[in-house]
Protein backbone atom coordinates (compact mmCIF):
# COMPACT_ATOMS: atom_id res chain seq x y z
CA MET A 1 -0.39 5.68 -18.45
CA ILE A 2 1.69 2.50 -18.53
CA ARG A 3 0.04 0.16 -21.03
CA ALA A 4 0.43 -3.50 -20.13
CA LYS A 5 0.08 -6.83 -21.89
CA ILE A 6 -0.39 -9.97 -19.83
CA VAL A 7 0.66 -13.25 -21.44
CA GLY A 8 -0.77 -16.23 -19.57
CA ALA A 9 -3.75 -14.25 -18.32
CA GLY A 10 -5.83 -17.33 -17.57
CA GLY A 11 -3.67 -18.62 -14.70
CA TYR A 12 -3.30 -17.55 -11.08
CA GLY A 13 -0.34 -15.34 -11.91
CA GLY A 14 -2.20 -13.73 -14.79
CA VAL A 15 -5.34 -12.94 -12.84
CA GLY A 16 -3.19 -11.77 -9.93
CA ILE A 17 -1.41 -9.10 -11.97
CA THR A 18 -4.74 -8.21 -13.62
CA GLU A 19 -6.30 -7.51 -10.22
CA LEU A 20 -3.35 -5.33 -9.23
CA LEU A 21 -3.20 -3.37 -12.47
CA LEU A 22 -6.92 -2.58 -12.20
CA ARG A 23 -6.26 -0.64 -9.00
CA HIS A 24 -2.97 0.92 -10.15
CA PRO A 25 -3.27 4.70 -10.60
CA GLN A 26 -0.77 4.92 -13.47
CA ALA A 27 -1.30 1.71 -15.45
CA GLU A 28 -3.91 0.15 -17.69
CA ILE A 29 -4.36 -3.26 -19.28
CA GLY A 30 -4.06 -3.20 -23.06
CA CYS A 31 -4.13 -6.90 -23.93
CA LEU A 32 -4.83 -10.25 -22.28
CA VAL A 33 -3.27 -13.31 -23.92
CA SER A 34 -3.78 -16.99 -23.18
CA LEU A 35 -3.74 -20.36 -24.91
CA SER A 36 -6.84 -21.30 -22.93
CA ASP A 37 -10.07 -19.33 -22.60
CA THR A 38 -9.41 -17.61 -25.94
CA GLY A 39 -12.41 -15.57 -27.11
CA ARG A 40 -13.93 -15.36 -23.64
CA LYS A 41 -14.19 -12.25 -21.54
CA MET A 42 -11.77 -12.16 -18.64
CA SER A 43 -14.79 -11.60 -16.41
CA ASP A 44 -16.36 -14.84 -17.68
CA VAL A 45 -13.21 -16.75 -16.79
CA PHE A 46 -13.01 -14.98 -13.42
CA PRO A 47 -16.51 -13.78 -12.46
CA HIS A 48 -15.28 -11.58 -9.60
CA LEU A 49 -13.90 -9.24 -12.31
CA ARG A 50 -17.32 -8.50 -13.85
CA GLY A 51 -17.60 -4.79 -14.43
CA PHE A 52 -13.91 -4.35 -13.71
CA CYS A 53 -12.24 -6.26 -16.54
CA ASP A 54 -14.55 -7.38 -19.35
CA MET A 55 -11.78 -7.45 -21.95
CA THR A 56 -11.69 -10.44 -24.31
CA VAL A 57 -8.81 -12.89 -23.93
CA VAL A 58 -6.97 -13.38 -27.23
CA SER A 59 -4.65 -16.07 -28.59
CA PRO A 60 -0.89 -15.43 -28.97
CA ASP A 61 -1.28 -15.07 -32.76
CA ASP A 62 -4.00 -12.41 -32.58
CA PRO A 63 -2.93 -9.20 -34.41
CA SER A 64 -3.63 -7.10 -31.31
CA THR A 65 -0.75 -8.80 -29.49
CA LYS A 66 1.73 -7.18 -31.91
CA GLU A 67 0.80 -3.66 -30.90
CA PRO A 68 3.38 -1.71 -28.88
CA PHE A 69 3.04 -1.98 -25.12
CA ASP A 70 5.03 -0.36 -22.34
CA VAL A 71 5.36 -3.55 -20.29
CA VAL A 72 4.72 -7.23 -20.96
CA PHE A 73 4.16 -9.69 -18.11
CA PHE A 74 4.91 -13.30 -18.99
CA SER A 75 2.91 -15.36 -16.50
CA THR A 76 3.99 -18.48 -18.33
CA PRO A 77 5.96 -21.71 -17.82
CA ASP A 78 9.68 -21.99 -18.50
CA ARG A 79 10.87 -21.52 -22.10
CA VAL A 80 7.85 -19.48 -23.20
CA GLY A 81 9.05 -15.98 -22.46
CA MET A 82 12.49 -16.55 -23.95
CA GLN A 83 10.90 -17.21 -27.36
CA THR A 84 9.37 -13.74 -27.77
CA ALA A 85 11.04 -11.47 -25.20
CA GLU A 86 13.49 -10.06 -27.75
CA GLU A 87 10.59 -9.17 -30.05
CA GLU A 88 8.75 -7.39 -27.24
CA ILE A 89 11.83 -5.40 -26.24
CA ALA A 90 12.46 -4.45 -29.87
CA ARG A 91 8.95 -2.94 -29.92
CA GLY A 92 9.83 -0.83 -26.91
CA ALA A 93 8.38 -2.89 -24.07
CA LYS A 94 9.92 -3.78 -20.76
CA VAL A 95 9.57 -7.48 -19.92
CA ILE A 96 8.83 -9.09 -16.56
CA ASP A 97 8.98 -12.88 -16.75
CA TYR A 98 7.58 -15.10 -13.99
CA SER A 99 9.50 -18.24 -14.98
CA GLY A 100 13.14 -19.25 -14.66
CA ASP A 101 13.95 -18.02 -18.16
CA PHE A 102 15.63 -14.80 -17.03
CA ARG A 103 16.59 -15.40 -13.40
CA PHE A 104 20.16 -16.24 -14.35
CA GLY A 105 22.69 -13.92 -15.93
CA THR A 106 24.78 -16.34 -17.98
CA VAL A 107 24.11 -19.27 -20.30
CA GLU A 108 26.18 -21.46 -17.99
CA ARG A 109 24.11 -20.58 -14.95
CA TYR A 110 20.88 -21.05 -16.89
CA ALA A 111 22.09 -24.46 -18.12
CA GLU A 112 22.84 -25.48 -14.53
CA TYR A 113 19.28 -24.56 -13.56
CA ALA A 114 17.74 -26.24 -16.62
CA ASN A 115 19.71 -29.46 -16.09
CA PHE A 116 18.72 -29.43 -12.41
CA ILE A 117 15.03 -29.62 -13.31
CA GLY A 118 15.29 -31.62 -16.55
CA LEU A 119 14.79 -28.88 -19.15
CA ASP A 120 16.64 -28.22 -22.39
CA PRO A 121 19.78 -26.36 -21.20
CA VAL A 122 20.08 -24.30 -24.40
CA HIS A 123 18.69 -20.81 -23.87
CA LEU A 124 16.82 -19.41 -26.87
CA ALA A 125 17.67 -15.76 -26.16
CA PRO A 126 21.20 -15.90 -24.74
CA ALA A 127 21.98 -12.26 -25.59
CA LEU A 128 19.30 -11.13 -23.15
CA LEU A 129 20.85 -12.93 -20.18
CA ALA A 130 23.55 -10.28 -19.89
CA GLU A 131 20.82 -7.64 -19.65
CA THR A 132 18.48 -9.34 -17.20
CA VAL A 133 18.29 -8.62 -13.48
CA TYR A 134 17.08 -10.96 -10.76
CA GLY A 135 13.84 -9.27 -9.77
CA LEU A 136 13.94 -9.13 -6.00
CA PRO A 137 14.00 -5.36 -5.33
CA GLU A 138 15.13 -5.79 -1.72
CA ILE A 139 18.36 -7.34 -3.00
CA HIS A 140 18.95 -5.82 -6.46
CA ASP A 141 18.46 -2.33 -7.82
CA ILE A 142 15.65 -2.29 -10.37
CA THR A 143 15.97 0.87 -12.47
CA PRO A 144 14.34 2.47 -15.55
CA ASP A 145 17.42 1.79 -17.69
CA GLN A 146 16.72 -1.95 -17.49
CA ALA A 147 14.52 -3.71 -20.02
CA ILE A 148 14.06 -7.22 -18.63
CA VAL A 149 13.49 -8.69 -15.18
CA GLY A 150 13.38 -12.31 -14.08
CA ASN A 151 10.71 -12.37 -11.37
CA PRO A 152 11.89 -14.70 -8.59
CA GLY A 153 10.32 -17.95 -7.46
CA CYS A 154 7.99 -17.81 -4.48
CA PHE A 155 10.03 -20.06 -2.18
CA ALA A 156 13.15 -18.15 -3.21
CA VAL A 157 11.61 -14.84 -2.14
CA SER A 158 10.74 -16.13 1.32
CA CYS A 159 14.14 -17.77 1.86
CA ILE A 160 16.38 -15.05 0.41
CA LEU A 161 14.67 -12.24 2.33
CA GLY A 162 14.93 -14.33 5.49
CA LEU A 163 18.59 -15.29 5.11
CA ALA A 164 20.25 -12.39 3.27
CA PRO A 165 20.93 -10.24 6.37
CA ALA A 166 22.71 -13.05 8.20
CA VAL A 167 24.65 -14.13 5.11
CA GLU A 168 25.79 -10.58 4.30
CA ALA A 169 26.88 -9.97 7.89
CA GLY A 170 28.81 -13.25 7.94
CA ILE A 171 27.28 -14.32 11.24
CA ILE A 172 26.25 -17.83 10.14
CA ASP A 173 28.02 -20.90 8.77
CA PRO A 174 27.05 -20.88 5.06
CA LYS A 175 27.14 -24.68 4.96
CA SER A 176 24.67 -25.08 7.81
CA ILE A 177 21.57 -23.48 6.30
CA ILE A 178 18.28 -25.38 6.41
CA CYS A 179 15.15 -24.12 4.66
CA ASP A 180 12.00 -25.89 5.88
CA CYS A 181 9.18 -24.47 3.72
CA LYS A 182 5.43 -24.99 3.62
CA THR A 183 3.17 -23.71 0.86
CA GLY A 184 -0.50 -23.54 0.04
CA VAL A 185 -2.00 -25.51 -2.83
CA SER A 186 -2.25 -22.49 -5.15
CA GLY A 187 1.52 -22.75 -5.61
CA ALA A 188 0.85 -25.66 -7.98
CA GLY A 189 -1.07 -23.39 -10.36
CA LYS A 190 -4.58 -23.46 -11.77
CA LYS A 191 -4.32 -26.50 -14.04
CA PRO A 192 -6.18 -29.52 -12.54
CA ASN A 193 -3.99 -32.27 -11.14
CA ALA A 194 -4.96 -35.48 -9.35
CA THR A 195 -2.41 -34.76 -6.62
CA PHE A 196 -4.19 -31.52 -5.79
CA HIS A 197 -7.74 -32.85 -6.12
CA TYR A 198 -9.73 -31.74 -3.09
CA PRO A 199 -10.33 -35.19 -1.52
CA HIS A 200 -6.60 -35.89 -1.72
CA ARG A 201 -5.46 -32.48 -0.53
CA TYR A 202 -7.96 -31.89 2.30
CA ASP A 203 -6.63 -32.75 5.78
CA ASN A 204 -3.34 -33.88 4.25
CA MET A 205 0.22 -32.65 3.88
CA ASN A 206 3.39 -33.97 2.28
CA ALA A 207 6.93 -33.09 1.29
CA TYR A 208 7.75 -33.09 -2.41
CA LYS A 209 10.63 -32.74 -4.89
CA LEU A 210 13.11 -34.04 -2.33
CA ALA A 211 15.49 -34.88 -5.16
CA GLY A 212 15.77 -31.19 -5.95
CA HIS A 213 13.43 -28.20 -6.12
CA GLN A 214 13.85 -25.64 -8.91
CA HIS A 215 14.07 -22.69 -6.52
CA VAL A 216 17.16 -24.06 -4.78
CA VAL A 217 19.34 -22.93 -7.69
CA GLU A 218 18.32 -19.29 -7.39
CA ILE A 219 18.41 -19.31 -3.58
CA GLU A 220 22.00 -20.52 -3.65
CA GLN A 221 22.90 -18.16 -6.49
CA GLU A 222 21.65 -15.06 -4.68
CA LEU A 223 22.98 -15.97 -1.25
CA SER A 224 26.38 -16.77 -2.74
CA ILE A 225 26.47 -13.34 -4.38
CA ILE A 226 25.42 -11.63 -1.15
CA GLY A 227 27.88 -13.58 1.00
CA GLU A 228 30.71 -13.46 -1.57
CA GLN A 229 31.32 -17.16 -1.05
CA ASP A 230 29.71 -20.45 -1.99
CA VAL A 231 26.46 -21.01 -0.12
CA GLN A 232 24.54 -24.28 -0.18
CA VAL A 233 21.26 -25.02 1.54
CA THR A 234 19.25 -28.04 2.59
CA PHE A 235 15.78 -27.30 1.26
CA THR A 236 12.53 -29.15 1.93
CA ALA A 237 9.27 -28.07 0.28
CA GLN A 238 5.96 -29.20 1.77
CA VAL A 239 2.40 -28.59 0.65
CA VAL A 240 -0.25 -28.06 3.31
CA PRO A 241 -4.08 -27.79 3.10
CA LEU A 242 -4.08 -24.02 2.63
CA CYS A 243 -5.09 -21.97 -0.42
CA ARG A 244 -2.31 -19.37 -0.42
CA GLY A 245 0.72 -18.51 1.64
CA ILE A 246 4.27 -19.69 2.38
CA MET A 247 5.86 -20.17 5.78
CA SER A 248 9.60 -20.81 5.61
CA CYS A 249 11.40 -21.81 8.80
CA LEU A 250 15.08 -21.02 8.24
CA TYR A 251 17.93 -22.30 10.39
CA ALA A 252 21.71 -21.87 10.48
CA THR A 253 24.58 -22.16 12.96
CA LEU A 254 25.58 -18.81 14.43
CA GLY A 255 28.99 -17.47 15.36
CA GLY A 256 27.91 -16.82 18.95
CA GLN A 257 25.73 -13.74 18.45
CA LYS A 258 22.90 -12.96 20.85
CA ALA A 259 19.26 -12.50 19.82
CA ALA A 260 19.35 -8.70 20.21
CA GLU A 261 22.43 -8.43 17.97
CA VAL A 262 20.90 -10.59 15.27
CA LEU A 263 17.62 -8.69 15.39
CA GLU A 264 19.48 -5.41 14.92
CA THR A 265 21.40 -6.90 11.97
CA TYR A 266 18.08 -7.78 10.32
CA ARG A 267 16.48 -4.42 11.02
CA HIS A 268 19.48 -2.60 9.59
CA PHE A 269 19.57 -4.72 6.43
CA HIS A 270 15.85 -4.25 5.70
CA ARG A 271 15.60 -0.65 6.95
CA ASP A 272 14.81 0.71 3.47
CA ASN A 273 12.62 -2.20 2.32
CA PRO A 274 9.02 -1.07 2.83
CA PHE A 275 7.50 -4.49 2.23
CA VAL A 276 9.64 -6.37 4.75
CA ARG A 277 8.62 -6.33 8.41
CA VAL A 278 11.20 -7.53 10.92
CA GLN A 279 10.03 -8.52 14.38
CA ASP A 280 11.20 -10.42 17.45
CA ALA A 281 9.96 -13.81 18.59
CA LYS A 282 7.58 -12.30 21.14
CA THR A 283 5.44 -10.77 18.40
CA PRO A 284 2.82 -13.16 16.96
CA ALA A 285 3.01 -13.91 13.24
CA SER A 286 0.99 -16.01 10.82
CA ILE A 287 0.01 -16.31 7.18
CA SER A 288 -3.11 -14.24 7.84
CA ASP A 289 -0.85 -11.22 8.50
CA VAL A 290 0.33 -11.16 4.87
CA ARG A 291 -2.47 -12.87 2.95
CA GLY A 292 -3.44 -10.82 -0.08
CA THR A 293 -0.54 -8.39 0.39
CA ASN A 294 2.96 -7.78 -0.92
CA TYR A 295 4.46 -7.88 2.56
CA CYS A 296 6.97 -10.31 4.04
CA THR A 297 7.06 -10.80 7.80
CA LEU A 298 10.35 -12.01 9.28
CA THR A 299 10.33 -13.29 12.85
CA VAL A 300 13.96 -13.36 13.99
CA ASP A 301 15.06 -15.51 16.91
CA VAL A 302 18.12 -17.27 18.34
CA ASP A 303 18.07 -20.77 19.83
CA ALA A 304 20.77 -19.98 22.41
CA ARG A 305 21.03 -23.56 23.67
CA ASN A 306 22.18 -24.74 20.26
CA ASN A 307 23.75 -21.49 18.97
CA ARG A 308 21.37 -21.50 16.04
CA LEU A 309 19.62 -18.77 14.08
CA ARG A 310 15.90 -19.28 13.57
CA VAL A 311 13.95 -17.07 11.17
CA VAL A 312 10.29 -17.61 10.28
CA SER A 313 9.38 -15.97 6.98
CA HIS A 314 5.75 -15.46 5.96
CA ILE A 315 4.64 -14.33 2.49
CA ASP A 316 1.63 -14.71 0.22
CA ASN A 317 2.96 -16.92 -2.58
CA LEU A 318 0.67 -15.28 -5.15
CA MET A 319 1.60 -11.74 -4.11
CA LYS A 320 5.12 -11.14 -2.78
CA GLY A 321 5.90 -14.55 -4.25
CA GLN A 322 4.55 -13.66 -7.69
CA ALA A 323 2.21 -10.91 -8.96
CA GLY A 324 2.78 -8.38 -6.18
CA ASN A 325 6.54 -8.59 -6.56
CA ALA A 326 6.12 -8.29 -10.34
CA LEU A 327 4.15 -5.07 -9.92
CA GLN A 328 6.78 -3.77 -7.52
CA ASN A 329 9.34 -4.44 -10.26
CA MET A 330 7.16 -2.66 -12.82
CA ASN A 331 6.93 0.40 -10.59
CA LEU A 332 10.70 0.62 -10.31
CA LEU A 333 11.25 0.01 -14.04
CA PHE A 334 9.12 3.09 -14.73
CA GLY A 335 10.61 5.27 -12.01
CA LEU A 336 7.60 5.08 -9.70
CA ASP A 337 7.57 4.55 -5.97
CA ALA A 338 7.88 0.83 -5.22
CA GLY A 339 4.61 0.82 -3.30
CA THR A 340 2.42 2.40 -5.98
CA GLY A 341 -0.76 0.32 -6.17
CA LEU A 342 0.60 -2.09 -3.56
CA ALA A 343 0.59 -0.35 -0.19
CA PHE A 344 -2.58 -1.85 1.22
CA ALA A 345 -3.42 -4.13 4.12
CA GLY A 346 -4.79 -7.62 3.73
CA GLN A 347 -8.15 -8.85 4.98
CA TYR A 348 -8.90 -10.30 8.38
CA PRO A 349 -9.88 -12.92 9.29
């Protein structure tokens, strides 16, 4: 059995990976760590887990956290994982970090990201950056010889999966890309915030971080690698009165291709990606199709009047955008099928 430690167990990302590990046939939870809720049972923090996970949540300095584990999930903010990842790897663990700490392979690229969002640009574990892999399995090979994965941002997942086929094929102008993205309120995390207080959030929507969203850096990094040229995007994030889910409407100027050609390009690119569903514009799609699952639905269309690609990407931000993708990475790190413990349908309605 794969023995797992979850750091940041008290947040949405922590409970998400807990739920998934509980149903995984080859993994077990060995330790739950959090700065909040210390000393409480996980099932007291999240009552729906009663009888399924009654383990006590411990503080980061508890002796049990120093035991050897096979995998450590850091469901933590930036600059937390980088402080102890080397120690975990030295004890034999593989590390999957949810933050931006290990999404970038060089200190220069990390500094660009950190400066973009106002963080200290000095990485505390620079030697690990050469070993990390950007954890989007549809784009990068995740293999058992790797020790550390930077789990991607939720918006980045929806945008990269939706744009990578067109960028790789060279059928769009890389300077014309627009990412118009809407997310549910859970994307802001569990910690209370006046902006996400129910009376403010209900029946309301707004754009935010127009000066620069943290996921833009990784979107442009990955698309530039795929396209082998500099790619820049215009990105707008919006929050809508929805609990979970992301809908990204992606646009770019085409080189004259027809809808059938573009659709075939997308189907070919994602042919071996079991969690990506490519469909034409005649097939209905919505957040309810992917809610609670690790799937991404891509509706591919061409606005022929304006010679423009239009892709609508749907994911669950807490699953394919976070915990589900992390479990997919764990499976591959341990040589398992990518869909182990993940190949299930959502709930309807």
